[in-house]
Amino acid sequence: MKYIMGIAASAALIYYTNNYTFSVKNLEIKSDRIPEAFHGYRVLHISDLHNSNYGNGNEKLIRAVEKISPEVIFYTGDMIDKRTIGKDSFLHLANGLSKKYPSYYIYGNHEEELSRQEKFALLADLNKAGIRFLENEKVFLKKDQEEISLYGLNLPNKFLRQTYDDLGNLQLNREEIVKRIGEPAEGFSILLSHNPLYFEAYADFGADITFSGHVHGGMIRVPLVGGLLSPDRSFWPKYDKGHYTLGGKHMIVSPGIGGAKMRVLNPPTLYCVTLVGKRVKEK
């Protein structure tokens, strides 16, 4: 009986820590293309909150971010959820952080599912909080007279819910990206796009780093194998969480910070990504 109770207690603890707590993971991206001024630049990547709440007014998340003290925050979609649109946990988080840290936001599939009126309300809240919504456009991150191009790619749910066509081919390619946001500029560039399963297209487009979410780490992770399920109902998604490289290009996939309480060996996680580039030459 004690053995069974011990197993049950361990299972309950694993379930709780994988669904009701969060961790912070530090990653580095190294590239000689990163401008000197951005060496050591800290990016906080938050994705797939789904209106989850950590403490009153998301105070635990806010304190964790303040401890990191990033230069910029990227929100890569599904921060709210149509099923919980009336809740304000994301707005507490946004308002608690945006006055201190420049913040950029793209839609995920759950924002795309909002009604027109709900989208207007969300955009109004983002504007009020000082968060820049990027809708298939480019802005610049600037530091010490150097800059990085930042693109926000927003896709219809055709590309988010159905990653593959009837023949099993990826729906998105470079031409589709260029049609939406144009050819990439010269110099180092960052792309925000919710669905990571198109990494080949993002790399082909020319994004030096892509930040994505969507897959929730595959929800249930099998040791030495990976995440089990993608939101588009495909098993063993190729890109589920962490840092990937392809032809000198990088992608960071957040496992998300919220969502359905079905995670196993896959806790909600904030990613702090430090850019490691050209060091200032000694004089």
C-alpha atoms as a PDB file:
ATOM      1  CA  MET A   1       0.000   0.000   0.000  1.00  0.00           C
ATOM      2  CA  LYS A   2       2.806   2.425   0.870  1.00  0.00           C
ATOM      3  CA  TYR A   3       4.412   1.653  -2.501  1.00  0.00           C
ATOM      4  CA  ILE A   4       1.187   2.441  -4.348  1.00  0.00           C
ATOM      5  CA  MET A   5       0.684   5.621  -2.335  1.00  0.00           C
ATOM      6  CA  GLY A   6       4.246   6.667  -3.116  1.00  0.00           C
ATOM      7  CA  ILE A   7       3.694   6.157  -6.836  1.00  0.00           C
ATOM      8  CA  ALA A   8       0.431   8.103  -6.683  1.00  0.00           C
ATOM      9  CA  ALA A   9       2.109  10.969  -4.804  1.00  0.00           C
ATOM     10  CA  SER A  10       4.977  11.079  -7.302  1.00  0.00           C
ATOM     11  CA  ALA A  11       2.547  11.076 -10.222  1.00  0.00           C
ATOM     12  CA  ALA A  12       0.543  13.901  -8.643  1.00  0.00           C
ATOM     13  CA  LEU A  13       3.714  15.936  -8.096  1.00  0.00           C
ATOM     14  CA  ILE A  14       4.851  15.409 -11.698  1.00  0.00           C
ATOM     15  CA  TYR A  15       1.411  16.398 -12.983  1.00  0.00           C
ATOM     16  CA  TYR A  16       1.343  19.522 -10.831  1.00  0.00           C
ATOM     17  CA  THR A  17       4.829  20.732 -11.771  1.00  0.00           C
ATOM     18  CA  ASN A  18       4.182  20.026 -15.467  1.00  0.00           C
ATOM     19  CA  ASN A  19       0.909  21.931 -15.579  1.00  0.00           C
ATOM     20  CA  TYR A  20       0.703  24.516 -12.798  1.00  0.00           C
ATOM     21  CA  THR A  21       4.271  25.800 -12.440  1.00  0.00           C
ATOM     22  CA  PHE A  22       6.775  27.171 -14.934  1.00  0.00           C
ATOM     23  CA  SER A  23      10.524  27.255 -15.444  1.00  0.00           C
ATOM     24  CA  VAL A  24      12.992  29.627 -17.098  1.00  0.00           C
ATOM     25  CA  LYS A  25      15.413  28.263 -19.672  1.00  0.00           C
ATOM     26  CA  ASN A  26      18.437  30.192 -20.934  1.00  0.00           C
ATOM     27  CA  LEU A  27      19.590  29.669 -24.517  1.00  0.00           C
ATOM     28  CA  GLU A  28      22.296  31.227 -26.698  1.00  0.00           C
ATOM     29  CA  ILE A  29      22.333  31.890 -30.408  1.00  0.00           C
ATOM     30  CA  LYS A  30      25.763  32.418 -31.908  1.00  0.00           C
ATOM     31  CA  SER A  31      26.233  34.064 -35.285  1.00  0.00           C
ATOM     32  CA  ASP A  32      28.918  36.233 -36.824  1.00  0.00           C
ATOM     33  CA  ARG A  33      26.097  38.108 -38.559  1.00  0.00           C
ATOM     34  CA  ILE A  34      24.802  39.543 -35.280  1.00  0.00           C
ATOM     35  CA  PRO A  35      25.812  43.230 -35.123  1.00  0.00           C
ATOM     36  CA  GLU A  36      28.432  44.103 -32.508  1.00  0.00           C
ATOM     37  CA  ALA A  37      26.025  46.300 -30.556  1.00  0.00           C
ATOM     38  CA  PHE A  38      23.686  43.308 -30.086  1.00  0.00           C
ATOM     39  CA  HIS A  39      26.298  41.008 -28.580  1.00  0.00           C
ATOM     40  CA  GLY A  40      24.779  39.935 -25.245  1.00  0.00           C
ATOM     41  CA  TYR A  41      21.312  41.198 -26.219  1.00  0.00           C
ATOM     42  CA  ARG A  42      18.637  39.325 -24.228  1.00  0.00           C
ATOM     43  CA  VAL A  43      15.344  38.343 -25.835  1.00  0.00           C
ATOM     44  CA  LEU A  44      12.486  37.022 -23.730  1.00  0.00           C
ATOM     45  CA  HIS A  45      10.278  34.661 -25.726  1.00  0.00           C
ATOM     46  CA  ILE A  46       6.735  34.085 -24.437  1.00  0.00           C
ATOM     47  CA  SER A  47       4.224  31.968 -26.322  1.00  0.00           C
ATOM     48  CA  ASP A  48       0.921  30.147 -25.870  1.00  0.00           C
ATOM     49  CA  LEU A  49      -0.178  31.550 -22.524  1.00  0.00           C
ATOM     50  CA  HIS A  50      -3.823  30.741 -23.341  1.00  0.00           C
ATOM     51  CA  ASN A  51      -4.863  33.116 -20.565  1.00  0.00           C
ATOM     52  CA  SER A  52      -3.206  30.953 -17.917  1.00  0.00           C
ATOM     53  CA  ASN A  53      -2.543  32.651 -14.619  1.00  0.00           C
ATOM     54  CA  TYR A  54       0.454  32.313 -12.289  1.00  0.00           C
ATOM     55  CA  GLY A  55      -0.355  34.156  -9.120  1.00  0.00           C
ATOM     56  CA  ASN A  56      -2.643  37.130  -8.655  1.00  0.00           C
ATOM     57  CA  GLY A  57      -2.435  39.246 -11.812  1.00  0.00           C
ATOM     58  CA  ASN A  58       0.235  36.872 -13.136  1.00  0.00           C
ATOM     59  CA  GLU A  59       2.598  38.326 -10.566  1.00  0.00           C
ATOM     60  CA  LYS A  60       4.843  35.241 -10.569  1.00  0.00           C
ATOM     61  CA  LEU A  61       5.465  35.561 -14.291  1.00  0.00           C
ATOM     62  CA  ILE A  62       6.057  39.295 -13.983  1.00  0.00           C
ATOM     63  CA  ARG A  63       8.603  38.801 -11.199  1.00  0.00           C
ATOM     64  CA  ALA A  64      10.420  36.129 -13.233  1.00  0.00           C
ATOM     65  CA  VAL A  65      10.655  38.454 -16.244  1.00  0.00           C
ATOM     66  CA  GLU A  66      11.850  41.356 -14.119  1.00  0.00           C
ATOM     67  CA  LYS A  67      14.600  39.135 -12.737  1.00  0.00           C
ATOM     68  CA  ILE A  68      15.710  38.345 -16.305  1.00  0.00           C
ATOM     69  CA  SER A  69      15.497  42.015 -17.339  1.00  0.00           C
ATOM     70  CA  PRO A  70      15.408  41.442 -21.104  1.00  0.00           C
ATOM     71  CA  GLU A  71      16.040  44.068 -23.767  1.00  0.00           C
ATOM     72  CA  VAL A  72      12.926  42.999 -25.678  1.00  0.00           C
ATOM     73  CA  ILE A  73       9.938  40.648 -25.373  1.00  0.00           C
ATOM     74  CA  PHE A  74       8.473  38.626 -28.245  1.00  0.00           C
ATOM     75  CA  TYR A  75       4.939  37.251 -27.881  1.00  0.00           C
ATOM     76  CA  THR A  76       4.438  34.607 -30.585  1.00  0.00           C
ATOM     77  CA  GLY A  77       0.710  33.997 -30.413  1.00  0.00           C
ATOM     78  CA  ASP A  78      -2.059  32.192 -28.570  1.00  0.00           C
ATOM     79  CA  MET A  79      -1.587  34.432 -25.571  1.00  0.00           C
ATOM     80  CA  ILE A  80      -5.356  34.547 -25.275  1.00  0.00           C
ATOM     81  CA  ASP A  81      -7.901  31.881 -26.094  1.00  0.00           C
ATOM     82  CA  LYS A  82     -11.362  32.187 -27.633  1.00  0.00           C
ATOM     83  CA  ARG A  83     -12.664  29.849 -24.943  1.00  0.00           C
ATOM     84  CA  THR A  84     -11.395  32.233 -22.231  1.00  0.00           C
ATOM     85  CA  ILE A  85     -11.674  35.589 -23.995  1.00  0.00           C
ATOM     86  CA  GLY A  86     -13.386  37.128 -20.983  1.00  0.00           C
ATOM     87  CA  LYS A  87     -10.393  36.499 -18.749  1.00  0.00           C
ATOM     88  CA  ASP A  88      -7.725  39.173 -18.346  1.00  0.00           C
ATOM     89  CA  SER A  89      -4.661  37.222 -17.218  1.00  0.00           C
ATOM     90  CA  PHE A  90      -2.720  38.111 -20.379  1.00  0.00           C
ATOM     91  CA  LEU A  91      -3.593  41.792 -20.006  1.00  0.00           C
ATOM     92  CA  HIS A  92      -2.297  41.755 -16.427  1.00  0.00           C
ATOM     93  CA  LEU A  93       0.949  40.293 -17.736  1.00  0.00           C
ATOM     94  CA  ALA A  94       1.149  42.720 -20.661  1.00  0.00           C
ATOM     95  CA  ASN A  95       0.460  45.786 -18.580  1.00  0.00           C
ATOM     96  CA  GLY A  96       2.909  44.630 -15.937  1.00  0.00           C
ATOM     97  CA  LEU A  97       5.770  44.314 -18.432  1.00  0.00           C
ATOM     98  CA  SER A  98       5.272  46.544 -21.471  1.00  0.00           C
ATOM     99  CA  LYS A  99       6.132  49.806 -19.713  1.00  0.00           C
ATOM    100  CA  LYS A 100       9.564  48.397 -18.873  1.00  0.00           C
ATOM    101  CA  TYR A 101      10.433  46.313 -21.928  1.00  0.00           C
ATOM    102  CA  PRO A 102       9.765  46.937 -25.648  1.00  0.00           C
ATOM    103  CA  SER A 103       7.296  44.258 -26.696  1.00  0.00           C
ATOM    104  CA  TYR A 104       6.124  42.795 -30.025  1.00  0.00           C
ATOM    105  CA  TYR A 105       3.139  40.552 -30.683  1.00  0.00           C
ATOM    106  CA  ILE A 106       1.910  38.293 -33.492  1.00  0.00           C
ATOM    107  CA  TYR A 107      -1.264  36.272 -33.773  1.00  0.00           C
ATOM    108  CA  GLY A 108      -1.546  32.537 -33.312  1.00  0.00           C
ATOM    109  CA  ASN A 109      -4.415  30.342 -34.431  1.00  0.00           C
ATOM    110  CA  HIS A 110      -6.516  31.224 -31.385  1.00  0.00           C
ATOM    111  CA  GLU A 111      -6.333  34.947 -32.109  1.00  0.00           C
ATOM    112  CA  GLU A 112      -7.230  34.191 -35.731  1.00  0.00           C
ATOM    113  CA  GLU A 113     -10.365  32.454 -34.478  1.00  0.00           C
ATOM    114  CA  LEU A 114     -11.603  35.566 -32.675  1.00  0.00           C
ATOM    115  CA  SER A 115     -14.492  37.521 -34.108  1.00  0.00           C
ATOM    116  CA  ARG A 116     -13.767  40.853 -35.795  1.00  0.00           C
ATOM    117  CA  GLN A 117     -15.062  42.687 -32.750  1.00  0.00           C
ATOM    118  CA  GLU A 118     -12.890  40.616 -30.408  1.00  0.00           C
ATOM    119  CA  LYS A 119      -9.827  41.296 -32.578  1.00  0.00           C
ATOM    120  CA  PHE A 120     -10.494  45.042 -32.455  1.00  0.00           C
ATOM    121  CA  ALA A 121     -10.765  44.831 -28.671  1.00  0.00           C
ATOM    122  CA  LEU A 122      -7.496  42.888 -28.424  1.00  0.00           C
ATOM    123  CA  LEU A 123      -5.662  45.369 -30.661  1.00  0.00           C
ATOM    124  CA  ALA A 124      -6.994  48.237 -28.572  1.00  0.00           C
ATOM    125  CA  ASP A 125      -5.689  46.540 -25.429  1.00  0.00           C
ATOM    126  CA  LEU A 126      -2.288  45.936 -27.037  1.00  0.00           C
ATOM    127  CA  ASN A 127      -2.053  49.572 -28.140  1.00  0.00           C
ATOM    128  CA  LYS A 128      -3.047  50.765 -24.685  1.00  0.00           C
ATOM    129  CA  ALA A 129      -0.357  48.573 -23.139  1.00  0.00           C
ATOM    130  CA  GLY A 130       2.251  49.861 -25.605  1.00  0.00           C
ATOM    131  CA  ILE A 131       2.785  46.483 -27.292  1.00  0.00           C
ATOM    132  CA  ARG A 132       3.512  46.644 -31.017  1.00  0.00           C
ATOM    133  CA  PHE A 133       1.377  44.259 -33.050  1.00  0.00           C
ATOM    134  CA  LEU A 134       3.160  43.146 -36.220  1.00  0.00           C
ATOM    135  CA  GLU A 135       0.852  42.170 -39.045  1.00  0.00           C
ATOM    136  CA  ASN A 136       3.000  41.008 -41.951  1.00  0.00           C
ATOM    137  CA  GLU A 137       5.372  43.923 -41.584  1.00  0.00           C
ATOM    138  CA  LYS A 138       8.922  44.864 -40.650  1.00  0.00           C
ATOM    139  CA  VAL A 139      10.293  47.107 -37.921  1.00  0.00           C
ATOM    140  CA  PHE A 140      13.826  47.652 -36.647  1.00  0.00           C
ATOM    141  CA  LEU A 141      15.412  46.832 -33.318  1.00  0.00           C
ATOM    142  CA  LYS A 142      18.030  49.513 -32.773  1.00  0.00           C
ATOM    143  CA  LYS A 143      20.990  49.756 -30.432  1.00  0.00           C
ATOM    144  CA  ASP A 144      24.037  52.038 -30.561  1.00  0.00           C
ATOM    145  CA  GLN A 145      23.394  53.062 -34.169  1.00  0.00           C
ATOM    146  CA  GLU A 146      23.100  49.445 -35.343  1.00  0.00           C
ATOM    147  CA  GLU A 147      19.914  47.592 -36.169  1.00  0.00           C
ATOM    148  CA  ILE A 148      18.254  44.225 -36.687  1.00  0.00           C
ATOM    149  CA  SER A 149      15.254  43.734 -38.967  1.00  0.00           C
ATOM    150  CA  LEU A 150      12.258  42.255 -37.139  1.00  0.00           C
ATOM    151  CA  TYR A 151       9.424  40.692 -39.172  1.00  0.00           C
ATOM    152  CA  GLY A 152       6.037  39.625 -37.890  1.00  0.00           C
ATOM    153  CA  LEU A 153       4.310  36.990 -40.032  1.00  0.00           C
ATOM    154  CA  ASN A 154       0.595  36.529 -39.450  1.00  0.00           C
ATOM    155  CA  LEU A 155      -1.014  33.640 -41.305  1.00  0.00           C
ATOM    156  CA  PRO A 156      -4.632  32.557 -41.831  1.00  0.00           C
ATOM    157  CA  ASN A 157      -5.700  29.428 -40.005  1.00  0.00           C
ATOM    158  CA  LYS A 158      -5.320  27.516 -43.246  1.00  0.00           C
ATOM    159  CA  PHE A 159      -1.576  27.558 -42.510  1.00  0.00           C
ATOM    160  CA  LEU A 160      -1.883  27.166 -38.757  1.00  0.00           C
ATOM    161  CA  ARG A 161      -4.432  24.400 -38.338  1.00  0.00           C
ATOM    162  CA  GLN A 162      -3.582  22.423 -41.484  1.00  0.00           C
ATOM    163  CA  THR A 163       0.190  22.420 -41.886  1.00  0.00           C
ATOM    164  CA  TYR A 164       0.100  19.857 -44.703  1.00  0.00           C
ATOM    165  CA  ASP A 165      -2.027  19.726 -47.855  1.00  0.00           C
ATOM    166  CA  ASP A 166      -3.936  16.676 -49.090  1.00  0.00           C
ATOM    167  CA  LEU A 167      -0.768  15.305 -50.691  1.00  0.00           C
ATOM    168  CA  GLY A 168       1.246  15.582 -47.494  1.00  0.00           C
ATOM    169  CA  ASN A 169       3.222  18.643 -48.615  1.00  0.00           C
ATOM    170  CA  LEU A 170       3.862  21.659 -46.415  1.00  0.00           C
ATOM    171  CA  GLN A 171       1.352  24.427 -47.101  1.00  0.00           C
ATOM    172  CA  LEU A 172       3.814  27.299 -46.687  1.00  0.00           C
ATOM    173  CA  ASN A 173       6.839  28.120 -48.838  1.00  0.00           C
ATOM    174  CA  ARG A 174       9.201  31.037 -49.420  1.00  0.00           C
ATOM    175  CA  GLU A 175       7.053  32.535 -52.171  1.00  0.00           C
ATOM    176  CA  GLU A 176       4.029  32.721 -49.866  1.00  0.00           C
ATOM    177  CA  ILE A 177       6.096  34.441 -47.169  1.00  0.00           C
ATOM    178  CA  VAL A 178       7.529  36.968 -49.637  1.00  0.00           C
ATOM    179  CA  LYS A 179       4.025  37.685 -50.929  1.00  0.00           C
ATOM    180  CA  ARG A 180       3.006  38.654 -47.409  1.00  0.00           C
ATOM    181  CA  ILE A 181       6.033  40.505 -46.039  1.00  0.00           C
ATOM    182  CA  GLY A 182       8.309  41.132 -49.026  1.00  0.00           C
ATOM    183  CA  GLU A 183      11.898  40.154 -49.663  1.00  0.00           C
ATOM    184  CA  PRO A 184      14.139  40.216 -46.576  1.00  0.00           C
ATOM    185  CA  ALA A 185      16.453  43.192 -46.195  1.00  0.00           C
ATOM    186  CA  GLU A 186      20.203  42.820 -46.053  1.00  0.00           C
ATOM    187  CA  GLY A 187      21.702  42.362 -42.632  1.00  0.00           C
ATOM    188  CA  PHE A 188      20.659  40.276 -39.657  1.00  0.00           C
ATOM    189  CA  SER A 189      16.937  39.537 -39.411  1.00  0.00           C
ATOM    190  CA  ILE A 190      14.500  37.974 -36.958  1.00  0.00           C
ATOM    191  CA  LEU A 191      11.134  36.477 -37.887  1.00  0.00           C
ATOM    192  CA  LEU A 192       8.194  35.914 -35.545  1.00  0.00           C
ATOM    193  CA  SER A 193       5.844  33.197 -36.818  1.00  0.00           C
ATOM    194  CA  HIS A 194       3.514  31.092 -34.723  1.00  0.00           C
ATOM    195  CA  ASN A 195       3.825  27.698 -36.442  1.00  0.00           C
ATOM    196  CA  PRO A 196       7.375  26.228 -36.303  1.00  0.00           C
ATOM    197  CA  LEU A 197       6.655  23.324 -38.628  1.00  0.00           C
ATOM    198  CA  TYR A 198       7.569  25.552 -41.597  1.00  0.00           C
ATOM    199  CA  PHE A 199      11.204  26.025 -40.533  1.00  0.00           C
ATOM    200  CA  GLU A 200      12.487  25.092 -43.976  1.00  0.00           C
ATOM    201  CA  ALA A 201      10.432  27.923 -45.514  1.00  0.00           C
ATOM    202  CA  TYR A 202      11.593  30.421 -42.883  1.00  0.00           C
ATOM    203  CA  ALA A 203      15.234  29.497 -43.450  1.00  0.00           C
ATOM    204  CA  ASP A 204      14.745  29.640 -47.220  1.00  0.00           C
ATOM    205  CA  PHE A 205      13.189  33.080 -46.808  1.00  0.00           C
ATOM    206  CA  GLY A 206      16.389  34.201 -45.120  1.00  0.00           C
ATOM    207  CA  ALA A 207      15.427  34.742 -41.486  1.00  0.00           C
ATOM    208  CA  ASP A 208      18.551  34.390 -39.332  1.00  0.00           C
ATOM    209  CA  ILE A 209      16.400  33.534 -36.310  1.00  0.00           C
ATOM    210  CA  THR A 210      12.763  32.494 -36.197  1.00  0.00           C
ATOM    211  CA  PHE A 211      10.781  32.527 -32.955  1.00  0.00           C
ATOM    212  CA  SER A 212       7.750  30.217 -32.832  1.00  0.00           C
ATOM    213  CA  GLY A 213       5.447  28.364 -30.459  1.00  0.00           C
ATOM    214  CA  HIS A 214       2.187  26.558 -31.262  1.00  0.00           C
ATOM    215  CA  VAL A 215       3.246  22.937 -30.687  1.00  0.00           C
ATOM    216  CA  HIS A 216       3.301  23.091 -26.858  1.00  0.00           C
ATOM    217  CA  GLY A 217       6.377  20.880 -26.838  1.00  0.00           C
ATOM    218  CA  GLY A 218       4.273  18.034 -28.221  1.00  0.00           C
ATOM    219  CA  MET A 219       2.263  18.038 -24.963  1.00  0.00           C
ATOM    220  CA  ILE A 220       3.401  14.564 -23.822  1.00  0.00           C
ATOM    221  CA  ARG A 221       7.142  14.034 -24.204  1.00  0.00           C
ATOM    222  CA  VAL A 222       8.615  10.588 -24.603  1.00  0.00           C
ATOM    223  CA  PRO A 223      12.260  10.385 -23.418  1.00  0.00           C
ATOM    224  CA  LEU A 224      14.771  10.096 -26.282  1.00  0.00           C
ATOM    225  CA  VAL A 225      11.943  10.459 -28.825  1.00  0.00           C
ATOM    226  CA  GLY A 226      10.299  13.869 -28.375  1.00  0.00           C
ATOM    227  CA  GLY A 227       6.846  15.417 -28.302  1.00  0.00           C
ATOM    228  CA  LEU A 228       3.870  13.248 -29.127  1.00  0.00           C
ATOM    229  CA  LEU A 229       1.276  15.514 -30.722  1.00  0.00           C
ATOM    230  CA  SER A 230       1.021  18.765 -32.687  1.00  0.00           C
ATOM    231  CA  PRO A 231      -2.100  20.973 -32.596  1.00  0.00           C
ATOM    232  CA  ASP A 232      -2.718  20.121 -36.260  1.00  0.00           C
ATOM    233  CA  ARG A 233      -3.297  16.534 -35.065  1.00  0.00           C
ATOM    234  CA  SER A 234      -0.049  15.170 -36.492  1.00  0.00           C
ATOM    235  CA  PHE A 235       2.068  12.851 -34.367  1.00  0.00           C
ATOM    236  CA  TRP A 236       5.746  13.327 -33.511  1.00  0.00           C
ATOM    237  CA  PRO A 237       6.099  16.891 -34.851  1.00  0.00           C
ATOM    238  CA  LYS A 238       9.546  17.544 -36.330  1.00  0.00           C
ATOM    239  CA  TYR A 239      10.019  20.814 -34.415  1.00  0.00           C
ATOM    240  CA  ASP A 240       8.433  20.750 -30.979  1.00  0.00           C
ATOM    241  CA  LYS A 241      10.610  22.728 -28.547  1.00  0.00           C
ATOM    242  CA  GLY A 242      14.099  24.150 -28.171  1.00  0.00           C
ATOM    243  CA  HIS A 243      16.820  25.424 -30.511  1.00  0.00           C
ATOM    244  CA  TYR A 244      17.088  24.170 -34.104  1.00  0.00           C
ATOM    245  CA  THR A 245      19.563  25.016 -36.862  1.00  0.00           C
ATOM    246  CA  LEU A 246      19.334  24.635 -40.622  1.00  0.00           C
ATOM    247  CA  GLY A 247      21.899  25.911 -43.102  1.00  0.00           C
ATOM    248  CA  GLY A 248      23.242  28.497 -40.666  1.00  0.00           C
ATOM    249  CA  LYS A 249      19.737  29.680 -39.739  1.00  0.00           C
ATOM    250  CA  HIS A 250      18.237  29.274 -36.277  1.00  0.00           C
ATOM    251  CA  MET A 251      14.791  28.663 -34.828  1.00  0.00           C
ATOM    252  CA  ILE A 252      13.665  28.854 -31.215  1.00  0.00           C
ATOM    253  CA  VAL A 253      10.452  26.962 -30.453  1.00  0.00           C
ATOM    254  CA  SER A 254       8.799  27.754 -27.153  1.00  0.00           C
ATOM    255  CA  PRO A 255       6.964  24.880 -25.462  1.00  0.00           C
ATOM    256  CA  GLY A 256       4.496  27.493 -24.272  1.00  0.00           C
ATOM    257  CA  ILE A 257       3.702  28.926 -20.879  1.00  0.00           C
ATOM    258  CA  GLY A 258       0.120  27.676 -20.542  1.00  0.00           C
ATOM    259  CA  GLY A 259      -2.594  25.742 -22.297  1.00  0.00           C
ATOM    260  CA  ALA A 260      -4.484  22.538 -21.664  1.00  0.00           C
ATOM    261  CA  LYS A 261      -3.509  20.783 -18.453  1.00  0.00           C
ATOM    262  CA  MET A 262      -2.250  17.675 -20.225  1.00  0.00           C
ATOM    263  CA  ARG A 263       1.518  18.132 -20.138  1.00  0.00           C
ATOM    264  CA  VAL A 264       3.802  15.240 -19.238  1.00  0.00           C
ATOM    265  CA  LEU A 265       7.585  15.711 -18.822  1.00  0.00           C
ATOM    266  CA  ASN A 266       7.038  19.074 -20.495  1.00  0.00           C
ATOM    267  CA  PRO A 267       6.611  21.985 -18.038  1.00  0.00           C
ATOM    268  CA  PRO A 268       5.541  25.474 -19.182  1.00  0.00           C
ATOM    269  CA  THR A 269       8.694  27.463 -19.894  1.00  0.00           C
ATOM    270  CA  LEU A 270       9.893  31.005 -20.459  1.00  0.00           C
ATOM    271  CA  TYR A 271      12.824  31.197 -22.875  1.00  0.00           C
ATOM    272  CA  CYS A 272      15.537  33.801 -22.392  1.00  0.00           C
ATOM    273  CA  VAL A 273      17.650  33.886 -25.557  1.00  0.00           C
ATOM    274  CA  THR A 274      20.997  35.707 -25.544  1.00  0.00           C
ATOM    275  CA  LEU A 275      22.500  36.769 -28.859  1.00  0.00           C
ATOM    276  CA  VAL A 276      26.214  36.035 -29.105  1.00  0.00           C
ATOM    277  CA  GLY A 277      27.820  37.787 -32.054  1.00  0.00           C
ATOM    278  CA  LYS A 278      30.735  39.949 -33.003  1.00  0.00           C
ATOM    279  CA  ARG A 279      32.686  41.109 -30.001  1.00  0.00           C
ATOM    280  CA  VAL A 280      33.925  44.669 -29.916  1.00  0.00           C
ATOM    281  CA  LYS A 281      37.521  44.611 -31.012  1.00  0.00           C
ATOM    282  CA  GLU A 282      40.057  45.582 -28.387  1.00  0.00           C
ATOM    283  CA  LYS A 283      41.690  48.915 -29.092  1.00  0.00           C
END
